């Protein structure tokens, strides 16, 4: 993993994907996703927390991380709209 970080636990990845319906959480996109993104950068928080993760397609992930054209507040709003599946993490 980059920066020597541990992988996101499989149960947490699965819960994030389930929360988003196994597709990109951006409503105007909804492409099938293969990536889990940190809302607050991992470099800042140094942990994988369910409420700081969102499912994004590669294009939207790049838009968020590199181009910064998806506001961070949008991801928090998306999580609220999707509902919290944290109970599913074991």
Protein backbone atom coordinates (compact mmCIF):
# COMPACT_ATOMS: atom_id res chain seq x y z
CA UNK A 1 0.00 0.00 0.00
CA UNK A 2 1.16 3.57 -0.57
CA UNK A 3 2.74 5.36 2.39
CA UNK A 4 3.19 2.02 4.19
CA UNK A 5 -0.46 1.94 5.20
CA UNK A 6 -2.38 -1.25 5.88
CA UNK A 7 -5.08 -2.35 3.45
CA UNK A 8 -8.68 -1.46 4.22
CA UNK A 9 -10.20 -4.54 5.92
CA UNK A 10 -12.30 -6.64 3.54
CA UNK A 11 -15.42 -6.38 5.72
CA UNK A 12 -15.15 -2.57 5.72
CA UNK A 13 -14.62 -2.45 1.93
CA UNK A 14 -17.67 -4.66 1.47
CA UNK A 15 -19.80 -2.46 3.76
CA UNK A 16 -18.79 0.71 1.87
CA UNK A 17 -19.62 -0.94 -1.47
CA UNK A 18 -22.95 -2.23 -0.12
CA UNK A 19 -23.79 1.26 1.16
CA UNK A 20 -23.30 2.65 -2.36
CA UNK A 21 -25.13 -0.19 -4.09
CA UNK A 22 -21.86 -1.48 -5.59
CA UNK A 23 -21.58 1.56 -7.83
CA UNK A 24 -20.08 5.04 -7.70
CA UNK A 25 -21.69 7.09 -4.93
CA UNK A 26 -21.86 10.20 -7.15
CA UNK A 27 -25.54 10.34 -8.20
CA UNK A 28 -24.80 11.72 -11.67
CA UNK A 29 -22.27 8.95 -12.30
CA UNK A 30 -23.32 5.63 -10.70
CA UNK A 31 -20.65 3.72 -12.69
CA UNK A 32 -19.66 0.37 -11.28
CA UNK A 33 -16.91 1.10 -8.79
CA UNK A 34 -13.71 -0.68 -7.96
CA UNK A 35 -12.19 1.90 -5.61
CA UNK A 36 -12.74 3.00 -2.04
CA UNK A 37 -11.80 6.62 -1.37
CA UNK A 38 -10.98 8.41 1.88
CA UNK A 39 -13.03 11.59 2.37
CA UNK A 40 -10.42 13.09 4.70
CA UNK A 41 -7.06 12.05 3.23
CA UNK A 42 -5.44 9.00 4.81
CA UNK A 43 -2.23 11.02 5.17
CA UNK A 44 -4.11 13.33 7.53
CA UNK A 45 -6.20 10.85 9.56
CA UNK A 46 -3.86 7.81 9.49
CA UNK A 47 -6.74 5.32 9.76
CA UNK A 48 -9.45 3.57 7.80
CA UNK A 49 -12.79 4.52 9.36
CA UNK A 50 -16.11 3.55 7.81
CA UNK A 51 -17.54 7.06 8.08
CA UNK A 52 -14.50 8.43 6.24
CA UNK A 53 -14.79 6.10 3.23
CA UNK A 54 -16.88 6.31 0.07
CA UNK A 55 -17.17 4.13 -3.05
CA UNK A 56 -16.11 5.94 -6.22
CA UNK A 57 -15.38 4.94 -9.78
CA UNK A 58 -11.80 5.63 -10.90
CA UNK A 59 -12.82 8.81 -12.74
CA UNK A 60 -14.66 10.35 -9.78
CA UNK A 61 -11.88 9.26 -7.42
CA UNK A 62 -9.39 11.17 -9.57
CA UNK A 63 -11.74 14.16 -9.74
CA UNK A 64 -11.88 14.18 -5.94
CA UNK A 65 -8.22 13.48 -5.11
CA UNK A 66 -6.34 15.18 -7.94
CA UNK A 67 -8.55 17.75 -9.61
CA UNK A 68 -10.41 18.66 -6.37
CA UNK A 69 -13.58 19.45 -8.31
CA UNK A 70 -15.84 17.37 -6.05
CA UNK A 71 -16.17 19.18 -2.71
CA UNK A 72 -15.44 17.19 0.45
CA UNK A 73 -18.81 18.24 1.87
CA UNK A 74 -20.48 16.46 -1.05
CA UNK A 75 -19.06 13.13 0.12
CA UNK A 76 -20.37 13.64 3.64
CA UNK A 77 -23.78 14.49 2.17
CA UNK A 78 -23.67 11.37 -0.02
CA UNK A 79 -22.99 9.22 3.03
CA UNK A 80 -25.95 10.75 4.84
CA UNK A 81 -28.20 10.08 1.84
CA UNK A 82 -26.94 6.53 1.37
CA UNK A 83 -27.42 5.66 5.04
CA UNK A 84 -24.86 4.21 7.37
CA UNK A 85 -24.12 0.51 6.99
CA UNK A 86 -21.54 0.53 9.77
CA UNK A 87 -23.51 -2.14 11.60
CA UNK A 88 -22.57 -4.54 8.81
CA UNK A 89 -18.85 -4.32 9.53
CA UNK A 90 -17.60 -7.30 11.49
